[in-house]
Amino acid sequence: QVQLVESGGGSVQAGGSLKLSCSASIYSFSSVCMGWFRQAPGKERERVASINAYSQAWYADSVKGRFTISRDNALKTLYLQMNSLTAEDAAMYYCAAGGSSTCAAGFRYWGQGTQVTVSS
């Protein structure tokens, strides 16, 4: 019954910015880790950023300094601000919810994804 719905994907020029949103129908949203993953054609799914219940964030080295993950517990919404986008960032982006306050416990629920394309 848990539902995660991503939005905000689209096409952007290299060097541009995009902000993704994830609306989470989760009763205990404020108490769980949330994360963003992406998967490009021919590549494995990778975690790009996550944020625990204490609003402490983690970023993959490839996006550190360019992406910012945040959450609004009142709105039960997760965000990913992406700046200085490159072709390497083009992928399907997925929102995920963990089963614990910390991200070490892993992720249990997944959205359907939103596509991000980057043109030069």
PDB file of N, CA and C in Angstrom:
ATOM      1  N   GLN A   1       0.808  -1.210   0.000  1.00  0.00           N
ATOM      2  CA  GLN A   1       0.000   0.000   0.000  1.00  0.00           C
ATOM      3  C   GLN A   1       0.845   1.265   0.000  1.00  0.00           C
ATOM      4  N   VAL A   2       2.131   1.131   0.296  1.00  0.00           N
ATOM      5  CA  VAL A   2       3.037   2.264   0.252  1.00  0.00           C
ATOM      6  C   VAL A   2       3.212   2.672  -1.202  1.00  0.00           C
ATOM      7  N   GLN A   3       3.120   3.957  -1.458  1.00  0.00           N
ATOM      8  CA  GLN A   3       3.271   4.473  -2.811  1.00  0.00           C
ATOM      9  C   GLN A   3       4.261   5.624  -2.843  1.00  0.00           C
ATOM     10  N   LEU A   4       5.155   5.572  -3.807  1.00  0.00           N
ATOM     11  CA  LEU A   4       6.133   6.626  -4.025  1.00  0.00           C
ATOM     12  C   LEU A   4       5.978   7.085  -5.465  1.00  0.00           C
ATOM     13  N   VAL A   5       5.769   8.365  -5.655  1.00  0.00           N
ATOM     14  CA  VAL A   5       5.537   8.903  -6.992  1.00  0.00           C
ATOM     15  C   VAL A   5       6.518  10.025  -7.272  1.00  0.00           C
ATOM     16  N   GLU A   6       7.399   9.798  -8.239  1.00  0.00           N
ATOM     17  CA  GLU A   6       8.390  10.792  -8.611  1.00  0.00           C
ATOM     18  C   GLU A   6       7.829  11.763  -9.646  1.00  0.00           C
ATOM     19  N   SER A   7       8.374  12.958  -9.651  1.00  0.00           N
ATOM     20  CA  SER A   7       8.026  13.951 -10.649  1.00  0.00           C
ATOM     21  C   SER A   7       9.196  14.907 -10.804  1.00  0.00           C
ATOM     22  N   GLY A   8       9.156  15.698 -11.856  1.00  0.00           N
ATOM     23  CA  GLY A   8      10.188  16.693 -12.072  1.00  0.00           C
ATOM     24  C   GLY A   8      11.236  16.331 -13.095  1.00  0.00           C
ATOM     25  N   GLY A   9      11.197  15.112 -13.593  1.00  0.00           N
ATOM     26  CA  GLY A   9      12.149  14.713 -14.608  1.00  0.00           C
ATOM     27  C   GLY A   9      11.874  15.414 -15.919  1.00  0.00           C
ATOM     28  N   GLY A  10      12.839  15.343 -16.812  1.00  0.00           N
ATOM     29  CA  GLY A  10      12.686  15.984 -18.105  1.00  0.00           C
ATOM     30  C   GLY A  10      14.012  16.114 -18.803  1.00  0.00           C
ATOM     31  N   SER A  11      14.028  16.961 -19.803  1.00  0.00           N
ATOM     32  CA  SER A  11      15.231  17.196 -20.589  1.00  0.00           C
ATOM     33  C   SER A  11      15.866  18.516 -20.183  1.00  0.00           C
ATOM     34  N   VAL A  12      17.175  18.495 -20.030  1.00  0.00           N
ATOM     35  CA  VAL A  12      17.901  19.692 -19.630  1.00  0.00           C
ATOM     36  C   VAL A  12      19.228  19.761 -20.380  1.00  0.00           C
ATOM     37  N   GLN A  13      19.691  20.955 -20.626  1.00  0.00           N
ATOM     38  CA  GLN A  13      20.984  21.142 -21.277  1.00  0.00           C
ATOM     39  C   GLN A  13      22.117  20.829 -20.306  1.00  0.00           C
ATOM     40  N   ALA A  14      23.219  20.345 -20.822  1.00  0.00           N
ATOM     41  CA  ALA A  14      24.395  20.104 -19.990  1.00  0.00           C
ATOM     42  C   ALA A  14      24.756  21.389 -19.261  1.00  0.00           C
ATOM     43  N   GLY A  15      25.041  21.247 -17.985  1.00  0.00           N
ATOM     44  CA  GLY A  15      25.343  22.412 -17.169  1.00  0.00           C
ATOM     45  C   GLY A  15      24.124  23.000 -16.490  1.00  0.00           C
ATOM     46  N   GLY A  16      22.964  22.522 -16.864  1.00  0.00           N
ATOM     47  CA  GLY A  16      21.729  23.031 -16.304  1.00  0.00           C
ATOM     48  C   GLY A  16      21.337  22.352 -15.007  1.00  0.00           C
ATOM     49  N   SER A  17      20.161  22.710 -14.519  1.00  0.00           N
ATOM     50  CA  SER A  17      19.667  22.192 -13.251  1.00  0.00           C
ATOM     51  C   SER A  17      18.271  21.617 -13.383  1.00  0.00           C
ATOM     52  N   LEU A  18      17.949  20.753 -12.459  1.00  0.00           N
ATOM     53  CA  LEU A  18      16.647  20.119 -12.427  1.00  0.00           C
ATOM     54  C   LEU A  18      16.358  19.726 -10.986  1.00  0.00           C
ATOM     55  N   LYS A  19      15.105  19.811 -10.588  1.00  0.00           N
ATOM     56  CA  LYS A  19      14.723  19.410  -9.238  1.00  0.00           C
ATOM     57  C   LYS A  19      13.660  18.327  -9.302  1.00  0.00           C
ATOM     58  N   LEU A  20      13.964  17.196  -8.702  1.00  0.00           N
ATOM     59  CA  LEU A  20      13.045  16.077  -8.653  1.00  0.00           C
ATOM     60  C   LEU A  20      12.288  16.068  -7.333  1.00  0.00           C
ATOM     61  N   SER A  21      11.065  15.586  -7.377  1.00  0.00           N
ATOM     62  CA  SER A  21      10.257  15.456  -6.174  1.00  0.00           C
ATOM     63  C   SER A  21       9.728  14.040  -6.074  1.00  0.00           C
ATOM     64  N   CYS A  22       9.497  13.600  -4.862  1.00  0.00           N
ATOM     65  CA  CYS A  22       8.929  12.285  -4.610  1.00  0.00           C
ATOM     66  C   CYS A  22       7.858  12.439  -3.554  1.00  0.00           C
ATOM     67  N   SER A  23       6.625  12.202  -3.960  1.00  0.00           N
ATOM     68  CA  SER A  23       5.509  12.257  -3.029  1.00  0.00           C
ATOM     69  C   SER A  23       5.331  10.870  -2.430  1.00  0.00           C
ATOM     70  N   ALA A  24       5.424  10.783  -1.114  1.00  0.00           N
ATOM     71  CA  ALA A  24       5.410   9.487  -0.440  1.00  0.00           C
ATOM     72  C   ALA A  24       4.148   9.277   0.383  1.00  0.00           C
ATOM     73  N   SER A  25       3.423   8.240   0.035  1.00  0.00           N
ATOM     74  CA  SER A  25       2.263   7.852   0.826  1.00  0.00           C
ATOM     75  C   SER A  25       2.738   6.810   1.831  1.00  0.00           C
ATOM     76  N   ILE A  26       3.355   7.312   2.887  1.00  0.00           N
ATOM     77  CA  ILE A  26       3.915   6.467   3.937  1.00  0.00           C
ATOM     78  C   ILE A  26       3.544   7.070   5.271  1.00  0.00           C
ATOM     79  N   TYR A  27       2.876   6.298   6.087  1.00  0.00           N
ATOM     80  CA  TYR A  27       2.434   6.816   7.376  1.00  0.00           C
ATOM     81  C   TYR A  27       3.607   7.299   8.229  1.00  0.00           C
ATOM     82  N   SER A  28       4.683   6.514   8.241  1.00  0.00           N
ATOM     83  CA  SER A  28       5.839   6.815   9.069  1.00  0.00           C
ATOM     84  C   SER A  28       6.956   7.509   8.296  1.00  0.00           C
ATOM     85  N   PHE A  29       6.606   8.334   7.340  1.00  0.00           N
ATOM     86  CA  PHE A  29       7.583   8.992   6.474  1.00  0.00           C
ATOM     87  C   PHE A  29       8.718   9.661   7.259  1.00  0.00           C
ATOM     88  N   SER A  30       8.357  10.401   8.285  1.00  0.00           N
ATOM     89  CA  SER A  30       9.356  11.153   9.036  1.00  0.00           C
ATOM     90  C   SER A  30      10.330  10.266   9.803  1.00  0.00           C
ATOM     91  N   SER A  31      10.019   8.996   9.935  1.00  0.00           N
ATOM     92  CA  SER A  31      10.831   8.078  10.736  1.00  0.00           C
ATOM     93  C   SER A  31      11.733   7.157   9.925  1.00  0.00           C
ATOM     94  N   VAL A  32      11.735   7.298   8.610  1.00  0.00           N
ATOM     95  CA  VAL A  32      12.518   6.385   7.783  1.00  0.00           C
ATOM     96  C   VAL A  32      13.516   7.098   6.888  1.00  0.00           C
ATOM     97  N   CYS A  33      14.524   6.353   6.507  1.00  0.00           N
ATOM     98  CA  CYS A  33      15.489   6.828   5.535  1.00  0.00           C
ATOM     99  C   CYS A  33      14.841   6.878   4.160  1.00  0.00           C
ATOM    100  N   MET A  34      15.182   7.885   3.391  1.00  0.00           N
ATOM    101  CA  MET A  34      14.707   8.011   2.025  1.00  0.00           C
ATOM    102  C   MET A  34      15.918   8.181   1.106  1.00  0.00           C
ATOM    103  N   GLY A  35      15.771   7.750  -0.125  1.00  0.00           N
ATOM    104  CA  GLY A  35      16.900   7.859  -1.026  1.00  0.00           C
ATOM    105  C   GLY A  35      16.518   8.020  -2.481  1.00  0.00           C
ATOM    106  N   TRP A  36      17.495   8.450  -3.254  1.00  0.00           N
ATOM    107  CA  TRP A  36      17.364   8.541  -4.704  1.00  0.00           C
ATOM    108  C   TRP A  36      18.366   7.600  -5.355  1.00  0.00           C
ATOM    109  N   PHE A  37      17.891   6.837  -6.311  1.00  0.00           N
ATOM    110  CA  PHE A  37      18.721   5.935  -7.089  1.00  0.00           C
ATOM    111  C   PHE A  37      18.558   6.275  -8.554  1.00  0.00           C
ATOM    112  N   ARG A  38      19.494   5.835  -9.366  1.00  0.00           N
ATOM    113  CA  ARG A  38      19.358   6.035 -10.802  1.00  0.00           C
ATOM    114  C   ARG A  38      19.924   4.836 -11.550  1.00  0.00           C
ATOM    115  N   GLN A  39      19.423   4.650 -12.756  1.00  0.00           N
ATOM    116  CA  GLN A  39      19.914   3.577 -13.601  1.00  0.00           C
ATOM    117  C   GLN A  39      19.916   4.036 -15.049  1.00  0.00           C
ATOM    118  N   ALA A  40      21.077   3.989 -15.653  1.00  0.00           N
ATOM    119  CA  ALA A  40      21.236   4.333 -17.054  1.00  0.00           C
ATOM    120  C   ALA A  40      21.312   3.050 -17.869  1.00  0.00           C
ATOM    121  N   PRO A  41      21.004   3.103 -19.158  1.00  0.00           N
ATOM    122  CA  PRO A  41      21.077   1.911 -20.004  1.00  0.00           C
ATOM    123  C   PRO A  41      22.450   1.255 -19.942  1.00  0.00           C
ATOM    124  N   GLY A  42      22.470  -0.047 -19.716  1.00  0.00           N
ATOM    125  CA  GLY A  42      23.719  -0.777 -19.664  1.00  0.00           C
ATOM    126  C   GLY A  42      24.480  -0.656 -18.363  1.00  0.00           C
ATOM    127  N   LYS A  43      23.926   0.038 -17.400  1.00  0.00           N
ATOM    128  CA  LYS A  43      24.599   0.211 -16.125  1.00  0.00           C
ATOM    129  C   LYS A  43      23.759  -0.329 -14.976  1.00  0.00           C
ATOM    130  N   GLU A  44      24.420  -0.587 -13.866  1.00  0.00           N
ATOM    131  CA  GLU A  44      23.741  -1.051 -12.668  1.00  0.00           C
ATOM    132  C   GLU A  44      23.047   0.114 -11.978  1.00  0.00           C
ATOM    133  N   ARG A  45      21.993  -0.206 -11.255  1.00  0.00           N
ATOM    134  CA  ARG A  45      21.332   0.814 -10.468  1.00  0.00           C
ATOM    135  C   ARG A  45      22.280   1.266  -9.363  1.00  0.00           C
ATOM    136  N   GLU A  46      22.376   2.556  -9.148  1.00  0.00           N
ATOM    137  CA  GLU A  46      23.259   3.085  -8.130  1.00  0.00           C
ATOM    138  C   GLU A  46      22.533   4.079  -7.233  1.00  0.00           C
ATOM    139  N   ARG A  47      22.944   4.111  -5.993  1.00  0.00           N
ATOM    140  CA  ARG A  47      22.396   5.078  -5.055  1.00  0.00           C
ATOM    141  C   ARG A  47      23.138   6.390  -5.243  1.00  0.00           C
ATOM    142  N   VAL A  48      22.418   7.444  -5.492  1.00  0.00           N
ATOM    143  CA  VAL A  48      23.054   8.739  -5.699  1.00  0.00           C
ATOM    144  C   VAL A  48      23.013   9.597  -4.448  1.00  0.00           C
ATOM    145  N   ALA A  49      21.992   9.446  -3.640  1.00  0.00           N
ATOM    146  CA  ALA A  49      21.877  10.224  -2.419  1.00  0.00           C
ATOM    147  C   ALA A  49      20.849   9.602  -1.498  1.00  0.00           C
ATOM    148  N   SER A  50      21.012   9.812  -0.211  1.00  0.00           N
ATOM    149  CA  SER A  50      20.028   9.352   0.752  1.00  0.00           C
ATOM    150  C   SER A  50      20.031  10.292   1.943  1.00  0.00           C
ATOM    151  N   ILE A  51      18.952  10.244   2.694  1.00  0.00           N
ATOM    152  CA  ILE A  51      18.825  11.104   3.864  1.00  0.00           C
ATOM    153  C   ILE A  51      18.075  10.326   4.933  1.00  0.00           C
ATOM    154  N   ASN A  52      18.640  10.296   6.133  1.00  0.00           N
ATOM    155  CA  ASN A  52      18.018   9.519   7.187  1.00  0.00           C
ATOM    156  C   ASN A  52      16.962  10.333   7.926  1.00  0.00           C
ATOM    157  N   ALA A  53      16.393   9.730   8.953  1.00  0.00           N
ATOM    158  CA  ALA A  53      15.316  10.379   9.696  1.00  0.00           C
ATOM    159  C   ALA A  53      15.776  11.596  10.481  1.00  0.00           C
ATOM    160  N   TYR A  54      17.078  11.757  10.610  1.00  0.00           N
ATOM    161  CA  TYR A  54      17.644  12.888  11.338  1.00  0.00           C
ATOM    162  C   TYR A  54      18.151  13.969  10.381  1.00  0.00           C
ATOM    163  N   SER A  55      17.777  13.837   9.113  1.00  0.00           N
ATOM    164  CA  SER A  55      18.136  14.771   8.050  1.00  0.00           C
ATOM    165  C   SER A  55      19.633  14.811   7.760  1.00  0.00           C
ATOM    166  N   GLN A  56      20.315  13.724   8.020  1.00  0.00           N
ATOM    167  CA  GLN A  56      21.726  13.604   7.676  1.00  0.00           C
ATOM    168  C   GLN A  56      21.814  12.978   6.296  1.00  0.00           C
ATOM    169  N   ALA A  57      22.551  13.609   5.413  1.00  0.00           N
ATOM    170  CA  ALA A  57      22.591  13.191   4.022  1.00  0.00           C
ATOM    171  C   ALA A  57      23.871  12.467   3.635  1.00  0.00           C
ATOM    172  N   TRP A  58      23.758  11.622   2.634  1.00  0.00           N
ATOM    173  CA  TRP A  58      24.877  10.899   2.045  1.00  0.00           C
ATOM    174  C   TRP A  58      24.797  11.079   0.535  1.00  0.00           C
ATOM    175  N   TYR A  59      25.969  11.213  -0.103  1.00  0.00           N
ATOM    176  CA  TYR A  59      26.013  11.373  -1.551  1.00  0.00           C
ATOM    177  C   TYR A  59      27.061  10.476  -2.178  1.00  0.00           C
ATOM    178  N   ALA A  60      26.749   9.975  -3.348  1.00  0.00           N
ATOM    179  CA  ALA A  60      27.742   9.257  -4.126  1.00  0.00           C
ATOM    180  C   ALA A  60      28.813  10.246  -4.559  1.00  0.00           C
ATOM    181  N   ASP A  61      30.047   9.774  -4.677  1.00  0.00           N
ATOM    182  CA  ASP A  61      31.142  10.660  -5.062  1.00  0.00           C
ATOM    183  C   ASP A  61      30.873  11.371  -6.385  1.00  0.00           C
ATOM    184  N   SER A  62      30.186  10.704  -7.282  1.00  0.00           N
ATOM    185  CA  SER A  62      29.941  11.260  -8.597  1.00  0.00           C
ATOM    186  C   SER A  62      29.022  12.480  -8.600  1.00  0.00           C
ATOM    187  N   VAL A  63      28.247  12.653  -7.539  1.00  0.00           N
ATOM    188  CA  VAL A  63      27.313  13.776  -7.494  1.00  0.00           C
ATOM    189  C   VAL A  63      27.597  14.737  -6.354  1.00  0.00           C
ATOM    190  N   LYS A  64      28.552  14.423  -5.524  1.00  0.00           N
ATOM    191  CA  LYS A  64      28.877  15.252  -4.371  1.00  0.00           C
ATOM    192  C   LYS A  64      29.249  16.665  -4.809  1.00  0.00           C
ATOM    193  N   GLY A  65      28.634  17.633  -4.168  1.00  0.00           N
ATOM    194  CA  GLY A  65      28.885  19.019  -4.497  1.00  0.00           C
ATOM    195  C   GLY A  65      27.960  19.570  -5.556  1.00  0.00           C
ATOM    196  N   ARG A  66      27.245  18.688  -6.250  1.00  0.00           N
ATOM    197  CA  ARG A  66      26.333  19.118  -7.308  1.00  0.00           C
ATOM    198  C   ARG A  66      24.872  18.857  -6.974  1.00  0.00           C
ATOM    199  N   PHE A  67      24.621  17.772  -6.264  1.00  0.00           N
ATOM    200  CA  PHE A  67      23.258  17.386  -5.910  1.00  0.00           C
ATOM    201  C   PHE A  67      22.992  17.651  -4.437  1.00  0.00           C
ATOM    202  N   THR A  68      21.749  17.968  -4.122  1.00  0.00           N
ATOM    203  CA  THR A  68      21.342  18.165  -2.741  1.00  0.00           C
ATOM    204  C   THR A  68      20.033  17.434  -2.493  1.00  0.00           C
ATOM    205  N   ILE A  69      20.041  16.552  -1.516  1.00  0.00           N
ATOM    206  CA  ILE A  69      18.829  15.836  -1.144  1.00  0.00           C
ATOM    207  C   ILE A  69      18.223  16.508   0.083  1.00  0.00           C
ATOM    208  N   SER A  70      16.908  16.585   0.118  1.00  0.00           N
ATOM    209  CA  SER A  70      16.228  17.182   1.257  1.00  0.00           C
ATOM    210  C   SER A  70      14.867  16.528   1.419  1.00  0.00           C
ATOM    211  N   ARG A  71      14.250  16.757   2.555  1.00  0.00           N
ATOM    212  CA  ARG A  71      12.935  16.192   2.805  1.00  0.00           C
ATOM    213  C   ARG A  71      12.073  17.183   3.549  1.00  0.00           C
ATOM    214  N   ASP A  72      10.783  17.131   3.285  1.00  0.00           N
ATOM    215  CA  ASP A  72       9.802  17.935   3.980  1.00  0.00           C
ATOM    216  C   ASP A  72       8.838  16.946   4.619  1.00  0.00           C
ATOM    217  N   ASN A  73       8.999  16.726   5.903  1.00  0.00           N
ATOM    218  CA  ASN A  73       8.193  15.722   6.581  1.00  0.00           C
ATOM    219  C   ASN A  73       6.715  16.097   6.665  1.00  0.00           C
ATOM    220  N   ALA A  74       6.426  17.384   6.750  1.00  0.00           N
ATOM    221  CA  ALA A  74       5.038  17.822   6.813  1.00  0.00           C
ATOM    222  C   ALA A  74       4.308  17.499   5.519  1.00  0.00           C
ATOM    223  N   LEU A  75       5.015  17.624   4.402  1.00  0.00           N
ATOM    224  CA  LEU A  75       4.435  17.347   3.094  1.00  0.00           C
ATOM    225  C   LEU A  75       4.680  15.915   2.639  1.00  0.00           C
ATOM    226  N   LYS A  76       5.443  15.162   3.406  1.00  0.00           N
ATOM    227  CA  LYS A  76       5.826  13.798   3.047  1.00  0.00           C
ATOM    228  C   LYS A  76       6.404  13.768   1.633  1.00  0.00           C
ATOM    229  N   THR A  77       7.350  14.648   1.415  1.00  0.00           N
ATOM    230  CA  THR A  77       7.957  14.787   0.101  1.00  0.00           C
ATOM    231  C   THR A  77       9.477  14.780   0.202  1.00  0.00           C
ATOM    232  N   LEU A  78      10.103  14.084  -0.717  1.00  0.00           N
ATOM    233  CA  LEU A  78      11.550  14.009  -0.828  1.00  0.00           C
ATOM    234  C   LEU A  78      11.960  14.770  -2.082  1.00  0.00           C
ATOM    235  N   TYR A  79      13.072  15.475  -2.011  1.00  0.00           N
ATOM    236  CA  TYR A  79      13.546  16.267  -3.139  1.00  0.00           C
ATOM    237  C   TYR A  79      14.984  15.919  -3.501  1.00  0.00           C
ATOM    238  N   LEU A  80      15.316  16.179  -4.757  1.00  0.00           N
ATOM    239  CA  LEU A  80      16.700  16.071  -5.202  1.00  0.00           C
ATOM    240  C   LEU A  80      16.974  17.235  -6.141  1.00  0.00           C
ATOM    241  N   GLN A  81      17.743  18.188  -5.654  1.00  0.00           N
ATOM    242  CA  GLN A  81      18.163  19.309  -6.479  1.00  0.00           C
ATOM    243  C   GLN A  81      19.433  18.905  -7.206  1.00  0.00           C
ATOM    244  N   MET A  82      19.416  18.972  -8.523  1.00  0.00           N
ATOM    245  CA  MET A  82      20.544  18.563  -9.334  1.00  0.00           C
ATOM    246  C   MET A  82      21.072  19.756 -10.116  1.00  0.00           C
ATOM    247  N   ASN A  83      22.329  20.078  -9.908  1.00  0.00           N
ATOM    248  CA  ASN A  83      22.970  21.190 -10.592  1.00  0.00           C
ATOM    249  C   ASN A  83      24.145  20.695 -11.425  1.00  0.00           C
ATOM    250  N   SER A  84      24.570  21.524 -12.351  1.00  0.00           N
ATOM    251  CA  SER A  84      25.724  21.220 -13.210  1.00  0.00           C
ATOM    252  C   SER A  84      25.610  19.836 -13.830  1.00  0.00           C
ATOM    253  N   LEU A  85      24.474  19.560 -14.404  1.00  0.00           N
ATOM    254  CA  LEU A  85      24.212  18.237 -14.965  1.00  0.00           C
ATOM    255  C   LEU A  85      25.078  17.952 -16.187  1.00  0.00           C
ATOM    256  N   THR A  86      25.489  16.705 -16.295  1.00  0.00           N
ATOM    257  CA  THR A  86      26.273  16.239 -17.433  1.00  0.00           C
ATOM    258  C   THR A  86      25.591  15.028 -18.039  1.00  0.00           C
ATOM    259  N   ALA A  87      26.119  14.568 -19.166  1.00  0.00           N
ATOM    260  CA  ALA A  87      25.559  13.400 -19.828  1.00  0.00           C
ATOM    261  C   ALA A  87      25.604  12.167 -18.934  1.00  0.00           C
ATOM    262  N   GLU A  88      26.575  12.118 -18.031  1.00  0.00           N
ATOM    263  CA  GLU A  88      26.700  10.985 -17.125  1.00  0.00           C
ATOM    264  C   GLU A  88      25.561  10.920 -16.112  1.00  0.00           C
ATOM    265  N   ASP A  89      24.827  12.010 -15.981  1.00  0.00           N
ATOM    266  CA  ASP A  89      23.704  12.047 -15.044  1.00  0.00           C
ATOM    267  C   ASP A  89      22.397  11.582 -15.680  1.00  0.00           C
ATOM    268  N   ALA A  90      22.380  11.412 -16.975  1.00  0.00           N
ATOM    269  CA  ALA A  90      21.174  10.974 -17.661  1.00  0.00           C
ATOM    270  C   ALA A  90      20.824   9.556 -17.226  1.00  0.00           C
ATOM    271  N   ALA A  91      19.614   9.372 -16.769  1.00  0.00           N
ATOM    272  CA  ALA A  91      19.188   8.069 -16.261  1.00  0.00           C
ATOM    273  C   ALA A  91      17.734   8.131 -15.839  1.00  0.00           C
ATOM    274  N   MET A  92      17.211   6.975 -15.487  1.00  0.00           N
ATOM    275  CA  MET A  92      15.912   6.918 -14.841  1.00  0.00           C
ATOM    276  C   MET A  92      16.189   7.065 -13.352  1.00  0.00           C
ATOM    277  N   TYR A  93      15.536   8.009 -12.730  1.00  0.00           N
ATOM    278  CA  TYR A  93      15.741   8.260 -11.311  1.00  0.00           C
ATOM    279  C   TYR A  93      14.579   7.708 -10.502  1.00  0.00           C
ATOM    280  N   TYR A  94      14.923   6.973  -9.452  1.00  0.00           N
ATOM    281  CA  TYR A  94      13.931   6.336  -8.603  1.00  0.00           C
ATOM    282  C   TYR A  94      14.001   6.833  -7.173  1.00  0.00           C
ATOM    283  N   CYS A  95      12.858   7.027  -6.595  1.00  0.00           N
ATOM    284  CA  CYS A  95      12.734   7.360  -5.189  1.00  0.00           C
ATOM    285  C   CYS A  95      12.574   6.055  -4.419  1.00  0.00           C
ATOM    286  N   ALA A  96      13.197   5.966  -3.253  1.00  0.00           N
ATOM    287  CA  ALA A  96      13.103   4.751  -2.458  1.00  0.00           C
ATOM    288  C   ALA A  96      12.944   5.078  -0.982  1.00  0.00           C
ATOM    289  N   ALA A  97      12.250   4.216  -0.291  1.00  0.00           N
ATOM    290  CA  ALA A  97      12.034   4.376   1.146  1.00  0.00           C
ATOM    291  C   ALA A  97      12.615   3.188   1.893  1.00  0.00           C
ATOM    292  N   GLY A  98      13.296   3.477   2.976  1.00  0.00           N
ATOM    293  CA  GLY A  98      13.851   2.427   3.807  1.00  0.00           C
ATOM    294  C   GLY A  98      12.880   1.967   4.865  1.00  0.00           C
ATOM    295  N   GLY A  99      13.305   0.983   5.627  1.00  0.00           N
ATOM    296  CA  GLY A  99      12.458   0.453   6.677  1.00  0.00           C
ATOM    297  C   GLY A  99      12.899   0.824   8.071  1.00  0.00           C
ATOM    298  N   SER A 100      13.832   1.765   8.155  1.00  0.00           N
ATOM    299  CA  SER A 100      14.377   2.168   9.443  1.00  0.00           C
ATOM    300  C   SER A 100      14.757   3.634   9.411  1.00  0.00           C
ATOM    301  N   SER A 101      15.068   4.182  10.559  1.00  0.00           N
ATOM    302  CA  SER A 101      15.487   5.576  10.647  1.00  0.00           C
ATOM    303  C   SER A 101      16.845   5.805   9.995  1.00  0.00           C
ATOM    304  N   THR A 102      17.655   4.768   9.945  1.00  0.00           N
ATOM    305  CA  THR A 102      18.967   4.864   9.320  1.00  0.00           C
ATOM    306  C   THR A 102      18.949   4.186   7.962  1.00  0.00           C
ATOM    307  N   CYS A 103      19.865   4.573   7.091  1.00  0.00           N
ATOM    308  CA  CYS A 103      19.902   4.035   5.750  1.00  0.00           C
ATOM    309  C   CYS A 103      20.642   2.711   5.650  1.00  0.00           C
ATOM    310  N   ALA A 104      21.338   2.337   6.694  1.00  0.00           N
ATOM    311  CA  ALA A 104      22.083   1.088   6.692  1.00  0.00           C
ATOM    312  C   ALA A 104      21.167  -0.127   6.607  1.00  0.00           C
ATOM    313  N   ALA A 105      19.922   0.032   7.012  1.00  0.00           N
ATOM    314  CA  ALA A 105      18.979  -1.080   7.003  1.00  0.00           C
ATOM    315  C   ALA A 105      18.488  -1.429   5.602  1.00  0.00           C
ATOM    316  N   GLY A 106      18.774  -0.584   4.631  1.00  0.00           N
ATOM    317  CA  GLY A 106      18.366  -0.852   3.269  1.00  0.00           C
ATOM    318  C   GLY A 106      17.042  -0.199   2.907  1.00  0.00           C
ATOM    319  N   PHE A 107      16.644  -0.404   1.661  1.00  0.00           N
ATOM    320  CA  PHE A 107      15.436   0.207   1.129  1.00  0.00           C
ATOM    321  C   PHE A 107      14.402  -0.844   0.784  1.00  0.00           C
ATOM    322  N   ARG A 108      13.172  -0.558   1.123  1.00  0.00           N
ATOM    323  CA  ARG A 108      12.081  -1.522   0.969  1.00  0.00           C
ATOM    324  C   ARG A 108      11.110  -1.193  -0.147  1.00  0.00           C
ATOM    325  N   TYR A 109      10.868   0.086  -0.376  1.00  0.00           N
ATOM    326  CA  TYR A 109       9.852   0.498  -1.338  1.00  0.00           C
ATOM    327  C   TYR A 109      10.444   1.400  -2.407  1.00  0.00           C
ATOM    328  N   TRP A 110       9.867   1.277  -3.614  1.00  0.00           N
ATOM    329  CA  TRP A 110      10.402   1.998  -4.766  1.00  0.00           C
ATOM    330  C   TRP A 110       9.305   2.636  -5.598  1.00  0.00           C
ATOM    331  N   GLY A 111       9.624   3.792  -6.166  1.00  0.00           N
ATOM    332  CA  GLY A 111       8.704   4.433  -7.088  1.00  0.00           C
ATOM    333  C   GLY A 111       8.910   3.882  -8.485  1.00  0.00           C
ATOM    334  N   GLN A 112       8.135   4.388  -9.429  1.00  0.00           N
ATOM    335  CA  GLN A 112       8.209   3.922 -10.808  1.00  0.00           C
ATOM    336  C   GLN A 112       9.298   4.613 -11.615  1.00  0.00           C
ATOM    337  N   GLY A 113       9.804   5.709 -11.105  1.00  0.00           N
ATOM    338  CA  GLY A 113      10.894   6.404 -11.758  1.00  0.00           C
ATOM    339  C   GLY A 113      10.465   7.603 -12.580  1.00  0.00           C
ATOM    340  N   THR A 114      11.400   8.514 -12.759  1.00  0.00           N
ATOM    341  CA  THR A 114      11.200   9.667 -13.623  1.00  0.00           C
ATOM    342  C   THR A 114      12.464   9.836 -14.460  1.00  0.00           C
ATOM    343  N   GLN A 115      12.282  10.063 -15.747  1.00  0.00           N
ATOM    344  CA  GLN A 115      13.405  10.099 -16.680  1.00  0.00           C
ATOM    345  C   GLN A 115      14.081  11.459 -16.703  1.00  0.00           C
ATOM    346  N   VAL A 116      15.398  11.431 -16.671  1.00  0.00           N
ATOM    347  CA  VAL A 116      16.200  12.646 -16.802  1.00  0.00           C
ATOM    348  C   VAL A 116      17.103  12.473 -18.011  1.00  0.00           C
ATOM    349  N   THR A 117      16.996  13.389 -18.955  1.00  0.00           N
ATOM    350  CA  THR A 117      17.868  13.373 -20.119  1.00  0.00           C
ATOM    351  C   THR A 117      18.678  14.659 -20.139  1.00  0.00           C
ATOM    352  N   VAL A 118      19.897  14.566 -20.622  1.00  0.00           N
ATOM    353  CA  VAL A 118      20.797  15.706 -20.674  1.00  0.00           C
ATOM    354  C   VAL A 118      21.323  15.849 -22.093  1.00  0.00           C
ATOM    355  N   SER A 119      21.127  17.006 -22.673  1.00  0.00           N
ATOM    356  CA  SER A 119      21.585  17.263 -24.026  1.00  0.00           C
ATOM    357  C   SER A 119      22.728  18.267 -24.015  1.00  0.00           C
ATOM    358  N   SER A 120      23.551  18.215 -25.031  1.00  0.00           N
ATOM    359  CA  SER A 120      24.691  19.112 -25.116  1.00  0.00           C
ATOM    360  C   SER A 120      24.421  20.289 -26.036  1.00  0.00           C
TER     361      SER A 120
END
